[in-house]
Amino acid sequence: MEINNIVDLTIYFTFTLLVLVAGLPMGLINTIGGINLLRKYGFKDVPKNMLGRAYGKKPIEILFVGVFILTGSFWYLFIDNGGNLFNFWSELMKLIN
């Protein structure tokens, strides 16, 4: 992403921070939880009082959501445009100079 003004910087910083603070932990928690639920319940429905039930009825669906979020977060932070997490400071310096 190219940062041209303070609005772009705010959007870029906020999105990167949210992916780092929310995306990675959420993906990791859902992936591990999906694996545990898959071990416990197999391909049967998860009980209605389970927290992961918001993402899917079956453990494989919860696992898929977790892997998708984790993959998307890693792609954005470390692969896209050479890694947005690493390029943030260089983009900030371009805006300042």
Protein backbone atom coordinates (compact mmCIF):
# COMPACT_ATOMS: atom_id res chain seq x y z
CA MET A 1 0.00 0.00 0.00
CA GLU A 2 1.19 3.48 -0.76
CA ILE A 3 0.77 6.05 1.98
CA ASN A 4 0.15 9.54 0.60
CA ASN A 5 -1.39 11.39 3.54
CA ILE A 6 -2.28 11.04 7.21
CA VAL A 7 -5.61 9.36 6.43
CA ASP A 8 -3.84 6.58 4.51
CA LEU A 9 -1.39 6.20 7.38
CA THR A 10 -4.22 5.91 9.89
CA ILE A 11 -6.03 3.27 7.86
CA TYR A 12 -2.84 1.31 7.19
CA PHE A 13 -1.69 1.45 10.81
CA THR A 14 -5.11 0.51 12.21
CA PHE A 15 -5.57 -2.43 9.86
CA THR A 16 -2.04 -3.74 10.47
CA LEU A 17 -2.47 -3.42 14.21
CA LEU A 18 -5.84 -5.20 14.14
CA VAL A 19 -4.45 -8.05 12.07
CA LEU A 20 -1.55 -8.37 14.48
CA VAL A 21 -3.58 -8.06 17.69
CA ALA A 22 -6.85 -9.73 16.68
CA GLY A 23 -6.29 -11.75 13.51
CA LEU A 24 -3.35 -13.89 14.58
CA PRO A 25 -4.69 -14.79 18.05
CA MET A 26 -8.20 -15.42 16.74
CA GLY A 27 -6.89 -17.66 13.98
CA LEU A 28 -4.65 -19.54 16.37
CA ILE A 29 -7.38 -20.02 18.97
CA ASN A 30 -9.92 -21.23 16.39
CA THR A 31 -7.40 -23.55 14.73
CA ILE A 32 -6.35 -25.17 18.00
CA GLY A 33 -9.96 -25.24 19.23
CA GLY A 34 -11.13 -26.79 15.97
CA ILE A 35 -8.50 -29.52 16.22
CA ASN A 36 -9.49 -30.25 19.83
CA LEU A 37 -13.19 -30.28 18.97
CA LEU A 38 -12.51 -32.54 15.99
CA ARG A 39 -10.73 -34.98 18.30
CA LYS A 40 -13.53 -34.86 20.86
CA TYR A 41 -16.65 -34.82 18.67
CA GLY A 42 -15.43 -36.10 15.30
CA PHE A 43 -17.75 -34.93 12.54
CA LYS A 44 -20.80 -34.66 14.84
CA ASP A 45 -22.42 -31.34 15.77
CA VAL A 46 -20.84 -29.30 18.52
CA PRO A 47 -23.09 -28.65 21.58
CA LYS A 48 -25.00 -25.38 21.44
CA ASN A 49 -23.35 -23.87 24.52
CA MET A 50 -19.83 -24.03 23.03
CA LEU A 51 -18.08 -20.74 22.18
CA GLY A 52 -16.89 -21.87 18.75
CA ARG A 53 -20.48 -22.61 17.76
CA ALA A 54 -20.74 -19.03 16.44
CA TYR A 55 -18.44 -19.98 13.54
CA GLY A 56 -19.95 -23.32 12.61
CA LYS A 57 -21.99 -26.29 13.77
CA LYS A 58 -19.32 -28.89 13.11
CA PRO A 59 -15.70 -28.94 14.34
CA ILE A 60 -14.37 -29.06 10.77
CA GLU A 61 -16.08 -25.73 10.05
CA ILE A 62 -14.48 -24.12 13.11
CA LEU A 63 -11.11 -25.54 12.08
CA PHE A 64 -11.56 -24.18 8.54
CA VAL A 65 -12.38 -20.69 9.86
CA GLY A 66 -9.32 -20.74 12.12
CA VAL A 67 -6.99 -21.87 9.34
CA PHE A 68 -8.45 -19.27 6.97
CA ILE A 69 -7.97 -16.41 9.46
CA LEU A 70 -4.48 -17.58 10.37
CA THR A 71 -3.45 -17.93 6.72
CA GLY A 72 -4.88 -14.53 5.81
CA SER A 73 -3.10 -12.88 8.73
CA PHE A 74 0.24 -14.47 7.89
CA TRP A 75 -0.18 -13.56 4.23
CA TYR A 76 -0.91 -9.91 5.01
CA LEU A 77 1.78 -9.46 7.65
CA PHE A 78 4.66 -11.42 6.13
CA ILE A 79 4.07 -12.09 2.39
CA ASP A 80 1.92 -9.39 0.76
CA ASN A 81 4.13 -6.65 -0.74
CA GLY A 82 7.18 -8.06 1.02
CA GLY A 83 5.40 -8.16 4.37
CA ASN A 84 3.31 -5.23 5.54
CA LEU A 85 4.61 -5.63 9.05
CA PHE A 86 8.16 -5.03 7.83
CA ASN A 87 7.27 -2.31 5.30
CA PHE A 88 5.27 -0.20 7.73
CA TRP A 89 8.27 1.78 8.99
CA SER A 90 9.64 2.45 5.51
CA GLU A 91 6.22 3.69 4.39
CA LEU A 92 6.07 5.90 7.47
CA MET A 93 9.47 7.38 6.68
CA LYS A 94 8.42 8.08 3.07
CA LEU A 95 5.46 10.07 4.39
CA ILE A 96 7.58 12.04 6.87
CA ASN A 97 10.31 12.92 4.34
